[in-house]
């Protein structure tokens, strides 16, 4: 093993400390960029989430309206005779009621497909997990303490 004189040791230590500072500065810079990206993503997703809330409200109103229509049709059909139900008008009303029930069911299916889009918190958690900065560069301290004993 080659002995290192004090001047060479000081030079290596300075290089190490410079490299360590540069590394930590780059990590901090990357953290700041990631935070900036997270803010941009949040700004993009907030209007999307508000739109989902608006769509949910509209869906609920439409669903309520359709349910009322089905209820009214059921009551109307229920007041009629069996002969009327078997006739052309009765069959038309029954068909109309069934069609409204189908539209209501399709409405639920359509909105459930939209809910598959991830929420902002999920996206940000995925980014934080992918680019984990905590503890990055901690080994430099260990290396410095070893070099100090040389």
C-alpha atoms as a PDB file:
ATOM      1  CA  UNK A   1       0.000   0.000   0.000  1.00  0.00           C
ATOM      2  CA  UNK A   2       1.354   3.379  -0.994  1.00  0.00           C
ATOM      3  CA  UNK A   3       1.847   5.958   1.741  1.00  0.00           C
ATOM      4  CA  UNK A   4       0.272   9.307   1.109  1.00  0.00           C
ATOM      5  CA  UNK A   5       2.167  12.374   2.275  1.00  0.00           C
ATOM      6  CA  UNK A   6       0.349  15.169   4.077  1.00  0.00           C
ATOM      7  CA  UNK A   7       0.204  17.503   1.060  1.00  0.00           C
ATOM      8  CA  UNK A   8      -1.287  14.784  -1.121  1.00  0.00           C
ATOM      9  CA  UNK A   9      -3.734  13.930   1.660  1.00  0.00           C
ATOM     10  CA  UNK A  10      -4.825  17.577   1.980  1.00  0.00           C
ATOM     11  CA  UNK A  11      -5.252  17.771  -1.780  1.00  0.00           C
ATOM     12  CA  UNK A  12      -7.377  14.595  -1.832  1.00  0.00           C
ATOM     13  CA  UNK A  13      -9.408  15.835   1.119  1.00  0.00           C
ATOM     14  CA  UNK A  14     -10.075  19.151  -0.645  1.00  0.00           C
ATOM     15  CA  UNK A  15     -11.124  17.287  -3.811  1.00  0.00           C
ATOM     16  CA  UNK A  16     -13.377  15.079  -1.747  1.00  0.00           C
ATOM     17  CA  UNK A  17     -14.996  18.011   0.059  1.00  0.00           C
ATOM     18  CA  UNK A  18     -15.462  19.878  -3.224  1.00  0.00           C
ATOM     19  CA  UNK A  19     -17.034  16.796  -4.795  1.00  0.00           C
ATOM     20  CA  UNK A  20     -19.250  16.335  -1.737  1.00  0.00           C
ATOM     21  CA  UNK A  21     -20.428  19.961  -1.849  1.00  0.00           C
ATOM     22  CA  UNK A  22     -21.069  19.741  -5.594  1.00  0.00           C
ATOM     23  CA  UNK A  23     -23.008  16.504  -5.133  1.00  0.00           C
ATOM     24  CA  UNK A  24     -25.158  17.940  -2.344  1.00  0.00           C
ATOM     25  CA  UNK A  25     -25.788  21.089  -4.385  1.00  0.00           C
ATOM     26  CA  UNK A  26     -26.924  18.975  -7.344  1.00  0.00           C
ATOM     27  CA  UNK A  27     -29.184  16.900  -5.082  1.00  0.00           C
ATOM     28  CA  UNK A  28     -30.722  20.078  -3.679  1.00  0.00           C
ATOM     29  CA  UNK A  29     -31.146  21.432  -7.205  1.00  0.00           C
ATOM     30  CA  UNK A  30     -32.867  18.198  -8.249  1.00  0.00           C
ATOM     31  CA  UNK A  31     -35.137  18.383  -5.185  1.00  0.00           C
ATOM     32  CA  UNK A  32     -36.096  21.954  -6.076  1.00  0.00           C
ATOM     33  CA  UNK A  33     -36.853  20.939  -9.668  1.00  0.00           C
ATOM     34  CA  UNK A  34     -38.953  18.037  -8.442  1.00  0.00           C
ATOM     35  CA  UNK A  35     -40.909  20.331  -6.128  1.00  0.00           C
ATOM     36  CA  UNK A  36     -41.427  22.730  -9.051  1.00  0.00           C
ATOM     37  CA  UNK A  37     -42.681  19.865 -11.227  1.00  0.00           C
ATOM     38  CA  UNK A  38     -44.989  18.713  -8.440  1.00  0.00           C
ATOM     39  CA  UNK A  39     -46.446  22.216  -8.229  1.00  0.00           C
ATOM     40  CA  UNK A  40     -46.962  22.256 -11.996  1.00  0.00           C
ATOM     41  CA  UNK A  41     -48.684  18.871 -11.842  1.00  0.00           C
ATOM     42  CA  UNK A  42     -50.865  20.099  -8.984  1.00  0.00           C
ATOM     43  CA  UNK A  43     -51.800  23.190 -10.989  1.00  0.00           C
ATOM     44  CA  UNK A  44     -52.720  20.967 -13.932  1.00  0.00           C
ATOM     45  CA  UNK A  45     -54.734  18.488 -11.870  1.00  0.00           C
ATOM     46  CA  UNK A  46     -56.695  20.957  -9.727  1.00  0.00           C
ATOM     47  CA  UNK A  47     -58.982  22.067 -12.584  1.00  0.00           C
ATOM     48  CA  UNK A  48     -59.367  18.417 -13.620  1.00  0.00           C
ATOM     49  CA  UNK A  49     -60.465  17.467 -10.105  1.00  0.00           C
ATOM     50  CA  UNK A  50     -62.862  20.415 -10.033  1.00  0.00           C
ATOM     51  CA  UNK A  51     -64.282  19.210 -13.354  1.00  0.00           C
ATOM     52  CA  UNK A  52     -64.787  15.743 -11.851  1.00  0.00           C
ATOM     53  CA  UNK A  53     -66.672  17.294  -8.969  1.00  0.00           C
ATOM     54  CA  UNK A  54     -68.837  19.236 -11.432  1.00  0.00           C
ATOM     55  CA  UNK A  55     -69.436  16.063 -13.473  1.00  0.00           C
ATOM     56  CA  UNK A  56     -70.373  14.149 -10.320  1.00  0.00           C
ATOM     57  CA  UNK A  57     -72.884  16.845  -9.420  1.00  0.00           C
ATOM     58  CA  UNK A  58     -74.337  16.835 -12.943  1.00  0.00           C
ATOM     59  CA  UNK A  59     -74.474  13.014 -12.970  1.00  0.00           C
ATOM     60  CA  UNK A  60     -76.239  12.947  -9.610  1.00  0.00           C
ATOM     61  CA  UNK A  61     -78.793  15.512 -10.808  1.00  0.00           C
ATOM     62  CA  UNK A  62     -79.406  13.629 -14.033  1.00  0.00           C
ATOM     63  CA  UNK A  63     -79.649  10.302 -12.179  1.00  0.00           C
ATOM     64  CA  UNK A  64     -82.171  11.789  -9.770  1.00  0.00           C
ATOM     65  CA  UNK A  65     -84.191  13.160 -12.684  1.00  0.00           C
ATOM     66  CA  UNK A  66     -84.144   9.801 -14.505  1.00  0.00           C
ATOM     67  CA  UNK A  67     -85.135   7.941 -11.331  1.00  0.00           C
ATOM     68  CA  UNK A  68     -88.053  10.319 -10.865  1.00  0.00           C
ATOM     69  CA  UNK A  69     -89.145   9.729 -14.462  1.00  0.00           C
ATOM     70  CA  UNK A  70     -88.982   5.966 -14.014  1.00  0.00           C
ATOM     71  CA  UNK A  71     -90.968   6.263 -10.785  1.00  0.00           C
ATOM     72  CA  UNK A  72     -93.595   8.448 -12.457  1.00  0.00           C
ATOM     73  CA  UNK A  73     -93.865   6.021 -15.381  1.00  0.00           C
ATOM     74  CA  UNK A  74     -94.177   3.041 -13.042  1.00  0.00           C
ATOM     75  CA  UNK A  75     -96.951   4.800 -11.145  1.00  0.00           C
ATOM     76  CA  UNK A  76     -98.728   5.752 -14.371  1.00  0.00           C
ATOM     77  CA  UNK A  77     -98.444   2.245 -15.795  1.00  0.00           C
ATOM     78  CA  UNK A  78     -99.486   0.732 -12.453  1.00  0.00           C
ATOM     79  CA  UNK A  79    -102.735   2.741 -12.514  1.00  0.00           C
ATOM     80  CA  UNK A  80    -103.693   1.290 -15.902  1.00  0.00           C
ATOM     81  CA  UNK A  81    -105.390  -1.989 -16.602  1.00  0.00           C
ATOM     82  CA  UNK A  82    -103.633  -5.132 -17.697  1.00  0.00           C
ATOM     83  CA  UNK A  83    -105.355  -4.845 -21.068  1.00  0.00           C
ATOM     84  CA  UNK A  84    -103.954  -1.309 -21.513  1.00  0.00           C
ATOM     85  CA  UNK A  85    -100.415  -2.558 -20.633  1.00  0.00           C
ATOM     86  CA  UNK A  86    -100.693  -5.251 -23.315  1.00  0.00           C
ATOM     87  CA  UNK A  87    -101.879  -2.704 -25.896  1.00  0.00           C
ATOM     88  CA  UNK A  88     -99.766  -0.482 -28.130  1.00  0.00           C
ATOM     89  CA  UNK A  89     -99.776   2.493 -25.736  1.00  0.00           C
ATOM     90  CA  UNK A  90     -98.975   0.324 -22.723  1.00  0.00           C
ATOM     91  CA  UNK A  91     -96.111  -1.390 -24.529  1.00  0.00           C
ATOM     92  CA  UNK A  92     -94.789   2.019 -25.652  1.00  0.00           C
ATOM     93  CA  UNK A  93     -94.800   3.313 -22.058  1.00  0.00           C
ATOM     94  CA  UNK A  94     -93.129   0.141 -20.779  1.00  0.00           C
ATOM     95  CA  UNK A  95     -90.514   0.388 -23.528  1.00  0.00           C
ATOM     96  CA  UNK A  96     -89.954   4.060 -22.705  1.00  0.00           C
ATOM     97  CA  UNK A  97     -89.496   3.265 -18.988  1.00  0.00           C
ATOM     98  CA  UNK A  98     -87.041   0.448 -19.767  1.00  0.00           C
ATOM     99  CA  UNK A  99     -85.086   2.728 -22.085  1.00  0.00           C
ATOM    100  CA  UNK A 100     -84.740   5.349 -19.337  1.00  0.00           C
ATOM    101  CA  UNK A 101     -83.543   2.613 -16.936  1.00  0.00           C
ATOM    102  CA  UNK A 102     -80.922   1.522 -19.498  1.00  0.00           C
ATOM    103  CA  UNK A 103     -79.731   5.110 -19.969  1.00  0.00           C
ATOM    104  CA  UNK A 104     -79.420   5.442 -16.206  1.00  0.00           C
ATOM    105  CA  UNK A 105     -77.340   2.236 -15.988  1.00  0.00           C
ATOM    106  CA  UNK A 106     -75.126   3.360 -18.892  1.00  0.00           C
ATOM    107  CA  UNK A 107     -74.612   6.671 -17.141  1.00  0.00           C
ATOM    108  CA  UNK A 108     -73.170   4.843 -14.122  1.00  0.00           C
ATOM    109  CA  UNK A 109     -70.874   2.772 -16.354  1.00  0.00           C
ATOM    110  CA  UNK A 110     -69.631   5.814 -18.259  1.00  0.00           C
ATOM    111  CA  UNK A 111     -68.762   7.699 -15.102  1.00  0.00           C
ATOM    112  CA  UNK A 112     -67.076   4.691 -13.494  1.00  0.00           C
ATOM    113  CA  UNK A 113     -64.681   4.559 -16.476  1.00  0.00           C
ATOM    114  CA  UNK A 114     -63.777   8.198 -15.877  1.00  0.00           C
ATOM    115  CA  UNK A 115     -62.993   7.492 -12.241  1.00  0.00           C
ATOM    116  CA  UNK A 116     -60.091   5.269 -13.348  1.00  0.00           C
ATOM    117  CA  UNK A 117     -57.959   8.397 -13.876  1.00  0.00           C
ATOM    118  CA  UNK A 118     -55.614   8.710 -10.872  1.00  0.00           C
ATOM    119  CA  UNK A 119     -56.022  11.463  -8.323  1.00  0.00           C
ATOM    120  CA  UNK A 120     -53.308  14.106  -7.872  1.00  0.00           C
ATOM    121  CA  UNK A 121     -52.115  12.675  -4.540  1.00  0.00           C
ATOM    122  CA  UNK A 122     -51.513   9.288  -6.155  1.00  0.00           C
ATOM    123  CA  UNK A 123     -49.497  10.848  -8.975  1.00  0.00           C
ATOM    124  CA  UNK A 124     -47.371  12.887  -6.553  1.00  0.00           C
ATOM    125  CA  UNK A 125     -46.791   9.884  -4.278  1.00  0.00           C
ATOM    126  CA  UNK A 126     -45.614   7.881  -7.296  1.00  0.00           C
ATOM    127  CA  UNK A 127     -43.175  10.648  -8.231  1.00  0.00           C
ATOM    128  CA  UNK A 128     -41.841  10.874  -4.677  1.00  0.00           C
ATOM    129  CA  UNK A 129     -41.356   7.106  -4.564  1.00  0.00           C
ATOM    130  CA  UNK A 130     -39.642   7.033  -7.960  1.00  0.00           C
ATOM    131  CA  UNK A 131     -37.218   9.851  -7.111  1.00  0.00           C
ATOM    132  CA  UNK A 132     -36.331   9.253  -3.487  1.00  0.00           C
ATOM    133  CA  UNK A 133     -33.814  11.865  -2.294  1.00  0.00           C
ATOM    134  CA  UNK A 134     -33.859  11.215   1.436  1.00  0.00           C
ATOM    135  CA  UNK A 135     -30.511   9.918   2.639  1.00  0.00           C
ATOM    136  CA  UNK A 136     -28.847  10.528  -0.696  1.00  0.00           C
ATOM    137  CA  UNK A 137     -25.214  11.432  -0.129  1.00  0.00           C
ATOM    138  CA  UNK A 138     -25.117  10.312   3.500  1.00  0.00           C
ATOM    139  CA  UNK A 139     -22.261   7.934   2.679  1.00  0.00           C
ATOM    140  CA  UNK A 140     -19.986  10.901   2.014  1.00  0.00           C
ATOM    141  CA  UNK A 141     -19.790  11.547   5.743  1.00  0.00           C
ATOM    142  CA  UNK A 142     -18.625   7.970   6.322  1.00  0.00           C
ATOM    143  CA  UNK A 143     -15.957   8.294   3.644  1.00  0.00           C
ATOM    144  CA  UNK A 144     -14.720  11.564   5.138  1.00  0.00           C
ATOM    145  CA  UNK A 145     -14.327  10.017   8.588  1.00  0.00           C
ATOM    146  CA  UNK A 146     -12.377   7.077   7.115  1.00  0.00           C
ATOM    147  CA  UNK A 147     -10.103   9.414   5.160  1.00  0.00           C
ATOM    148  CA  UNK A 148      -9.435  11.454   8.307  1.00  0.00           C
ATOM    149  CA  UNK A 149      -7.931   8.382   9.949  1.00  0.00           C
ATOM    150  CA  UNK A 150      -5.516   7.719   7.044  1.00  0.00           C
END
